[in-house]
Amino acid sequence: MKHLLTLVAAAALFVGCQSYPMGLNETQWKALTPEQQAEYTRQQTAINEVRRQQREAEERARQVEAEAKAAEERQRVEFAYARARYGDVITVTVEGGLVAIGGKHHPYEPVRFDLVHGERKEVEFVQQGKSSNRNRVDARLSEDGNTLYFDESARDRITLLSTGWDTGKTSGPLSIQDRGSRSVASAITITVKYKPLPGGPRRVIILPAPK
């Protein structure tokens, strides 16, 4: 009897929310006896539980798939670094200006990182004078290695082309106006240079002609 009253009380919640078990409308629901309402509520509860378990299973499957893709990407990047030649990897230096940390603009410690063709990296920025305050910003080098994207998810992300990367090219001041971006960068400077690796251009030393 107590269980029946519990189910009827649960059914009353459906009524209060103007939602009835098993797709019934209000007229159909009110035409049922308390026992019938309890049975319909029991059935709906069972269906809801099955749906919940399905959602959890789907979420676990998505997580497993995401982890597998992440592991595959890590392996791809490791392999790319292992066989990289000159021009495949860039060294990026970000300094000066301000970035968003904790929702406000702050000066930050300069950062330097490498990217190989097709790699996306979460770059950590640390607030100057307060190392506990940090923010991560996404950067990516295109598959062909010709374009660097900084704060890639921003609407007005910073995009730099490969011209001048042989000797190192500094661009700035650069800013991102998108207030919803990760960095909301203000007047930062980005320097990009190809990492010294085998296959690079040879230096030619021209000696003066003998007199």
C-alpha atoms as a PDB file:
ATOM      1  CA  MET A   1       0.000   0.000   0.000  1.00  0.00           C
ATOM      2  CA  LYS A   2       2.835   2.340   0.886  1.00  0.00           C
ATOM      3  CA  HIS A   3       4.481   1.632  -2.472  1.00  0.00           C
ATOM      4  CA  LEU A   4       1.199   2.359  -4.241  1.00  0.00           C
ATOM      5  CA  LEU A   5       0.871   5.702  -2.451  1.00  0.00           C
ATOM      6  CA  THR A   6       4.427   6.552  -3.449  1.00  0.00           C
ATOM      7  CA  LEU A   7       3.669   5.880  -7.094  1.00  0.00           C
ATOM      8  CA  VAL A   8       0.452   7.884  -6.905  1.00  0.00           C
ATOM      9  CA  ALA A   9       2.379  10.769  -5.350  1.00  0.00           C
ATOM     10  CA  ALA A  10       4.874  10.551  -8.184  1.00  0.00           C
ATOM     11  CA  ALA A  11       1.998  10.578 -10.599  1.00  0.00           C
ATOM     12  CA  ALA A  12       0.711  13.718  -8.944  1.00  0.00           C
ATOM     13  CA  LEU A  13       4.008  15.369  -9.800  1.00  0.00           C
ATOM     14  CA  PHE A  14       3.339  14.618 -13.460  1.00  0.00           C
ATOM     15  CA  VAL A  15      -0.037  16.290 -13.049  1.00  0.00           C
ATOM     16  CA  GLY A  16       1.472  19.347 -11.385  1.00  0.00           C
ATOM     17  CA  CYS A  17       3.920  19.711 -14.248  1.00  0.00           C
ATOM     18  CA  GLN A  18       1.167  19.168 -16.842  1.00  0.00           C
ATOM     19  CA  SER A  19       3.013  16.114 -18.098  1.00  0.00           C
ATOM     20  CA  TYR A  20       1.527  12.654 -17.894  1.00  0.00           C
ATOM     21  CA  PRO A  21       3.074   9.164 -18.121  1.00  0.00           C
ATOM     22  CA  MET A  22       3.078   7.172 -21.331  1.00  0.00           C
ATOM     23  CA  GLY A  23       2.052  10.154 -23.446  1.00  0.00           C
ATOM     24  CA  LEU A  24      -1.414  10.461 -21.935  1.00  0.00           C
ATOM     25  CA  ASN A  25      -3.231  13.775 -22.025  1.00  0.00           C
ATOM     26  CA  GLU A  26      -4.924  15.310 -18.995  1.00  0.00           C
ATOM     27  CA  THR A  27      -8.377  13.924 -19.796  1.00  0.00           C
ATOM     28  CA  GLN A  28      -7.056  10.401 -20.243  1.00  0.00           C
ATOM     29  CA  TRP A  29      -5.018  10.642 -17.071  1.00  0.00           C
ATOM     30  CA  LYS A  30      -7.854  11.852 -14.891  1.00  0.00           C
ATOM     31  CA  ALA A  31     -10.084   9.056 -16.194  1.00  0.00           C
ATOM     32  CA  LEU A  32      -7.755   6.449 -14.669  1.00  0.00           C
ATOM     33  CA  THR A  33      -8.134   4.927 -11.221  1.00  0.00           C
ATOM     34  CA  PRO A  34      -5.322   5.492  -8.697  1.00  0.00           C
ATOM     35  CA  GLU A  35      -4.140   1.916  -9.314  1.00  0.00           C
ATOM     36  CA  GLN A  36      -4.030   2.517 -13.068  1.00  0.00           C
ATOM     37  CA  GLN A  37      -2.195   5.797 -12.565  1.00  0.00           C
ATOM     38  CA  ALA A  38       0.327   3.987 -10.382  1.00  0.00           C
ATOM     39  CA  GLU A  39       0.842   1.317 -13.055  1.00  0.00           C
ATOM     40  CA  TYR A  40       1.306   3.905 -15.804  1.00  0.00           C
ATOM     41  CA  THR A  41       3.733   5.779 -13.585  1.00  0.00           C
ATOM     42  CA  ARG A  42       5.647   2.552 -12.933  1.00  0.00           C
ATOM     43  CA  GLN A  43       5.893   1.890 -16.659  1.00  0.00           C
ATOM     44  CA  GLN A  44       7.021   5.445 -17.384  1.00  0.00           C
ATOM     45  CA  THR A  45       9.629   5.232 -14.637  1.00  0.00           C
ATOM     46  CA  ALA A  46      10.992   2.026 -16.158  1.00  0.00           C
ATOM     47  CA  ILE A  47      11.133   3.641 -19.599  1.00  0.00           C
ATOM     48  CA  ASN A  48      12.884   6.702 -18.175  1.00  0.00           C
ATOM     49  CA  GLU A  49      15.458   4.460 -16.503  1.00  0.00           C
ATOM     50  CA  VAL A  50      16.158   2.635 -19.767  1.00  0.00           C
ATOM     51  CA  ARG A  51      16.573   5.975 -21.531  1.00  0.00           C
ATOM     52  CA  ARG A  52      18.913   7.201 -18.801  1.00  0.00           C
ATOM     53  CA  GLN A  53      21.052   4.096 -19.140  1.00  0.00           C
ATOM     54  CA  GLN A  54      21.105   4.530 -22.912  1.00  0.00           C
ATOM     55  CA  ARG A  55      22.241   8.144 -22.545  1.00  0.00           C
ATOM     56  CA  GLU A  56      24.984   7.092 -20.150  1.00  0.00           C
ATOM     57  CA  ALA A  57      26.091   4.321 -22.506  1.00  0.00           C
ATOM     58  CA  GLU A  58      26.158   6.753 -25.424  1.00  0.00           C
ATOM     59  CA  GLU A  59      28.150   9.246 -23.368  1.00  0.00           C
ATOM     60  CA  ARG A  60      30.654   6.537 -22.387  1.00  0.00           C
ATOM     61  CA  ALA A  61      30.946   5.526 -26.036  1.00  0.00           C
ATOM     62  CA  ARG A  62      31.604   9.152 -27.017  1.00  0.00           C
ATOM     63  CA  GLN A  63      34.265   9.428 -24.323  1.00  0.00           C
ATOM     64  CA  VAL A  64      35.946   6.223 -25.467  1.00  0.00           C
ATOM     65  CA  GLU A  65      35.886   7.440 -29.070  1.00  0.00           C
ATOM     66  CA  ALA A  66      37.280  10.846 -28.063  1.00  0.00           C
ATOM     67  CA  GLU A  67      40.056   9.211 -26.036  1.00  0.00           C
ATOM     68  CA  ALA A  68      40.909   6.921 -28.941  1.00  0.00           C
ATOM     69  CA  LYS A  69      41.065   9.871 -31.338  1.00  0.00           C
ATOM     70  CA  ALA A  70      43.221  11.830 -28.884  1.00  0.00           C
ATOM     71  CA  ALA A  71      45.608   8.886 -28.518  1.00  0.00           C
ATOM     72  CA  GLU A  72      45.765   8.497 -32.291  1.00  0.00           C
ATOM     73  CA  GLU A  73      46.508  12.208 -32.687  1.00  0.00           C
ATOM     74  CA  ARG A  74      49.246  12.070 -30.036  1.00  0.00           C
ATOM     75  CA  GLN A  75      50.818   9.150 -31.863  1.00  0.00           C
ATOM     76  CA  ARG A  76      50.599  10.994 -35.187  1.00  0.00           C
ATOM     77  CA  VAL A  77      52.235  14.093 -33.715  1.00  0.00           C
ATOM     78  CA  GLU A  78      55.002  12.070 -32.055  1.00  0.00           C
ATOM     79  CA  PHE A  79      55.720  10.348 -35.364  1.00  0.00           C
ATOM     80  CA  ALA A  80      55.695  13.695 -37.193  1.00  0.00           C
ATOM     81  CA  TYR A  81      58.258  15.136 -34.772  1.00  0.00           C
ATOM     82  CA  ALA A  82      60.399  12.010 -35.022  1.00  0.00           C
ATOM     83  CA  ARG A  83      60.739  12.272 -38.813  1.00  0.00           C
ATOM     84  CA  ALA A  84      60.577  16.075 -39.084  1.00  0.00           C
ATOM     85  CA  ARG A  85      62.908  17.899 -41.436  1.00  0.00           C
ATOM     86  CA  TYR A  86      63.655  21.580 -41.745  1.00  0.00           C
ATOM     87  CA  GLY A  87      60.431  23.481 -42.428  1.00  0.00           C
ATOM     88  CA  ASP A  88      58.198  20.918 -40.724  1.00  0.00           C
ATOM     89  CA  VAL A  89      58.434  22.422 -37.234  1.00  0.00           C
ATOM     90  CA  ILE A  90      58.138  26.038 -36.139  1.00  0.00           C
ATOM     91  CA  THR A  91      59.109  27.684 -32.869  1.00  0.00           C
ATOM     92  CA  VAL A  92      56.599  30.295 -31.729  1.00  0.00           C
ATOM     93  CA  THR A  93      57.293  33.011 -29.160  1.00  0.00           C
ATOM     94  CA  VAL A  94      54.449  35.077 -27.708  1.00  0.00           C
ATOM     95  CA  GLU A  95      55.289  38.080 -25.544  1.00  0.00           C
ATOM     96  CA  GLY A  96      54.211  41.585 -24.639  1.00  0.00           C
ATOM     97  CA  GLY A  97      50.745  43.048 -24.387  1.00  0.00           C
ATOM     98  CA  LEU A  98      47.949  41.477 -22.368  1.00  0.00           C
ATOM     99  CA  VAL A  99      45.831  38.326 -22.387  1.00  0.00           C
ATOM    100  CA  ALA A 100      42.704  37.376 -20.493  1.00  0.00           C
ATOM    101  CA  ILE A 101      43.422  35.454 -17.290  1.00  0.00           C
ATOM    102  CA  GLY A 102      40.607  34.977 -14.820  1.00  0.00           C
ATOM    103  CA  GLY A 103      38.298  37.078 -16.969  1.00  0.00           C
ATOM    104  CA  LYS A 104      40.508  40.196 -16.943  1.00  0.00           C
ATOM    105  CA  HIS A 105      43.447  41.474 -18.987  1.00  0.00           C
ATOM    106  CA  HIS A 106      46.827  40.863 -17.364  1.00  0.00           C
ATOM    107  CA  PRO A 107      50.478  40.956 -18.365  1.00  0.00           C
ATOM    108  CA  TYR A 108      51.843  37.419 -18.673  1.00  0.00           C
ATOM    109  CA  GLU A 109      55.092  35.513 -18.702  1.00  0.00           C
ATOM    110  CA  PRO A 110      56.450  35.116 -22.261  1.00  0.00           C
ATOM    111  CA  VAL A 111      55.792  31.697 -23.771  1.00  0.00           C
ATOM    112  CA  ARG A 112      57.643  29.679 -26.387  1.00  0.00           C
ATOM    113  CA  PHE A 113      56.486  26.438 -27.966  1.00  0.00           C
ATOM    114  CA  ASP A 114      56.938  24.231 -31.024  1.00  0.00           C
ATOM    115  CA  LEU A 115      54.340  23.107 -33.554  1.00  0.00           C
ATOM    116  CA  VAL A 116      54.665  20.482 -36.273  1.00  0.00           C
ATOM    117  CA  HIS A 117      52.531  20.330 -39.427  1.00  0.00           C
ATOM    118  CA  GLY A 118      48.880  19.758 -38.496  1.00  0.00           C
ATOM    119  CA  GLU A 119      49.446  20.004 -34.748  1.00  0.00           C
ATOM    120  CA  ARG A 120      47.046  21.788 -32.405  1.00  0.00           C
ATOM    121  CA  LYS A 121      48.324  22.705 -28.963  1.00  0.00           C
ATOM    122  CA  GLU A 122      46.867  24.165 -25.773  1.00  0.00           C
ATOM    123  CA  VAL A 123      49.323  26.888 -24.755  1.00  0.00           C
ATOM    124  CA  GLU A 124      49.376  27.865 -21.095  1.00  0.00           C
ATOM    125  CA  PHE A 125      49.689  31.550 -20.163  1.00  0.00           C
ATOM    126  CA  VAL A 126      50.763  32.468 -16.636  1.00  0.00           C
ATOM    127  CA  GLN A 127      49.980  35.845 -15.095  1.00  0.00           C
ATOM    128  CA  GLN A 128      53.062  37.867 -14.235  1.00  0.00           C
ATOM    129  CA  GLY A 129      53.588  38.030 -10.487  1.00  0.00           C
ATOM    130  CA  LYS A 130      50.838  35.498  -9.768  1.00  0.00           C
ATOM    131  CA  SER A 131      51.777  32.081 -11.091  1.00  0.00           C
ATOM    132  CA  SER A 132      48.613  30.450  -9.731  1.00  0.00           C
ATOM    133  CA  ASN A 133      46.535  32.399 -12.273  1.00  0.00           C
ATOM    134  CA  ARG A 134      46.631  30.683 -15.657  1.00  0.00           C
ATOM    135  CA  ASN A 135      44.758  30.396 -18.923  1.00  0.00           C
ATOM    136  CA  ARG A 136      45.028  28.087 -21.929  1.00  0.00           C
ATOM    137  CA  VAL A 137      44.845  29.278 -25.524  1.00  0.00           C
ATOM    138  CA  ASP A 138      44.709  27.050 -28.604  1.00  0.00           C
ATOM    139  CA  ALA A 139      47.247  27.383 -31.408  1.00  0.00           C
ATOM    140  CA  ARG A 140      47.527  25.310 -34.587  1.00  0.00           C
ATOM    141  CA  LEU A 141      49.861  24.933 -37.539  1.00  0.00           C
ATOM    142  CA  SER A 142      48.047  24.012 -40.746  1.00  0.00           C
ATOM    143  CA  GLU A 143      48.566  20.634 -42.400  1.00  0.00           C
ATOM    144  CA  ASP A 144      50.696  22.175 -45.150  1.00  0.00           C
ATOM    145  CA  GLY A 145      52.729  24.153 -42.617  1.00  0.00           C
ATOM    146  CA  ASN A 146      52.022  27.501 -44.267  1.00  0.00           C
ATOM    147  CA  THR A 147      49.641  29.051 -41.732  1.00  0.00           C
ATOM    148  CA  LEU A 148      49.737  29.566 -37.974  1.00  0.00           C
ATOM    149  CA  TYR A 149      46.469  30.125 -36.138  1.00  0.00           C
ATOM    150  CA  PHE A 150      46.594  31.658 -32.663  1.00  0.00           C
ATOM    151  CA  ASP A 151      43.487  31.489 -30.469  1.00  0.00           C
ATOM    152  CA  GLU A 152      42.059  29.412 -33.281  1.00  0.00           C
ATOM    153  CA  SER A 153      38.518  29.173 -31.872  1.00  0.00           C
ATOM    154  CA  ALA A 154      38.098  32.976 -31.781  1.00  0.00           C
ATOM    155  CA  ARG A 155      35.979  34.624 -34.464  1.00  0.00           C
ATOM    156  CA  ASP A 156      38.826  37.012 -35.311  1.00  0.00           C
ATOM    157  CA  ARG A 157      41.675  34.608 -34.601  1.00  0.00           C
ATOM    158  CA  ILE A 158      45.216  35.687 -35.383  1.00  0.00           C
ATOM    159  CA  THR A 159      46.413  34.188 -38.679  1.00  0.00           C
ATOM    160  CA  LEU A 160      50.060  34.356 -39.739  1.00  0.00           C
ATOM    161  CA  LEU A 161      51.521  33.153 -43.047  1.00  0.00           C
ATOM    162  CA  SER A 162      54.891  31.445 -43.483  1.00  0.00           C
ATOM    163  CA  THR A 163      56.655  34.329 -45.235  1.00  0.00           C
ATOM    164  CA  GLY A 164      59.910  35.116 -43.442  1.00  0.00           C
ATOM    165  CA  TRP A 165      59.919  32.111 -41.131  1.00  0.00           C
ATOM    166  CA  ASP A 166      63.340  31.015 -42.401  1.00  0.00           C
ATOM    167  CA  THR A 167      65.060  33.865 -40.600  1.00  0.00           C
ATOM    168  CA  GLY A 168      62.299  34.473 -38.074  1.00  0.00           C
ATOM    169  CA  LYS A 169      59.453  36.916 -38.429  1.00  0.00           C
ATOM    170  CA  THR A 170      57.941  39.064 -35.692  1.00  0.00           C
ATOM    171  CA  SER A 171      54.362  40.305 -36.043  1.00  0.00           C
ATOM    172  CA  GLY A 172      52.652  42.784 -33.780  1.00  0.00           C
ATOM    173  CA  PRO A 173      51.101  44.394 -31.976  1.00  0.00           C
ATOM    174  CA  LEU A 174      48.255  41.910 -32.540  1.00  0.00           C
ATOM    175  CA  SER A 175      44.850  41.936 -30.861  1.00  0.00           C
ATOM    176  CA  ILE A 176      41.651  39.886 -30.771  1.00  0.00           C
ATOM    177  CA  GLN A 177      38.394  41.777 -30.286  1.00  0.00           C
ATOM    178  CA  ASP A 178      36.178  38.730 -29.740  1.00  0.00           C
ATOM    179  CA  ARG A 179      35.236  39.037 -26.051  1.00  0.00           C
ATOM    180  CA  GLY A 180      34.248  35.389 -26.031  1.00  0.00           C
ATOM    181  CA  SER A 181      37.665  34.218 -27.192  1.00  0.00           C
ATOM    182  CA  ARG A 182      40.083  32.452 -24.895  1.00  0.00           C
ATOM    183  CA  SER A 183      42.808  35.082 -24.971  1.00  0.00           C
ATOM    184  CA  VAL A 184      41.083  38.379 -25.849  1.00  0.00           C
ATOM    185  CA  ALA A 185      44.679  39.244 -26.740  1.00  0.00           C
ATOM    186  CA  SER A 186      45.678  42.897 -26.660  1.00  0.00           C
ATOM    187  CA  ALA A 187      48.827  44.220 -28.369  1.00  0.00           C
ATOM    188  CA  ILE A 188      50.754  40.951 -28.198  1.00  0.00           C
ATOM    189  CA  THR A 189      53.790  40.137 -30.336  1.00  0.00           C
ATOM    190  CA  ILE A 190      54.295  36.773 -32.037  1.00  0.00           C
ATOM    191  CA  THR A 191      57.611  35.624 -33.494  1.00  0.00           C
ATOM    192  CA  VAL A 192      57.738  32.529 -35.705  1.00  0.00           C
ATOM    193  CA  LYS A 193      60.879  30.770 -36.909  1.00  0.00           C
ATOM    194  CA  TYR A 194      61.597  27.382 -38.436  1.00  0.00           C
ATOM    195  CA  LYS A 195      63.216  25.089 -35.909  1.00  0.00           C
ATOM    196  CA  PRO A 196      66.815  24.157 -36.834  1.00  0.00           C
ATOM    197  CA  LEU A 197      66.545  20.615 -38.182  1.00  0.00           C
ATOM    198  CA  PRO A 198      68.302  18.483 -40.805  1.00  0.00           C
ATOM    199  CA  GLY A 199      67.612  19.536 -44.363  1.00  0.00           C
ATOM    200  CA  GLY A 200      67.863  23.256 -43.758  1.00  0.00           C
ATOM    201  CA  PRO A 201      69.480  25.701 -46.157  1.00  0.00           C
ATOM    202  CA  ARG A 202      73.245  25.645 -46.137  1.00  0.00           C
ATOM    203  CA  ARG A 203      75.155  28.741 -45.206  1.00  0.00           C
ATOM    204  CA  VAL A 204      77.461  29.897 -47.943  1.00  0.00           C
ATOM    205  CA  ILE A 205      80.494  31.842 -46.790  1.00  0.00           C
ATOM    206  CA  ILE A 206      82.012  33.977 -49.515  1.00  0.00           C
ATOM    207  CA  LEU A 207      85.655  34.705 -48.901  1.00  0.00           C
ATOM    208  CA  PRO A 208      87.249  37.803 -50.361  1.00  0.00           C
ATOM    209  CA  ALA A 209      89.339  37.221 -53.455  1.00  0.00           C
ATOM    210  CA  PRO A 210      93.072  37.080 -52.795  1.00  0.00           C
ATOM    211  CA  LYS A 211      94.943  40.220 -53.677  1.00  0.00           C
END
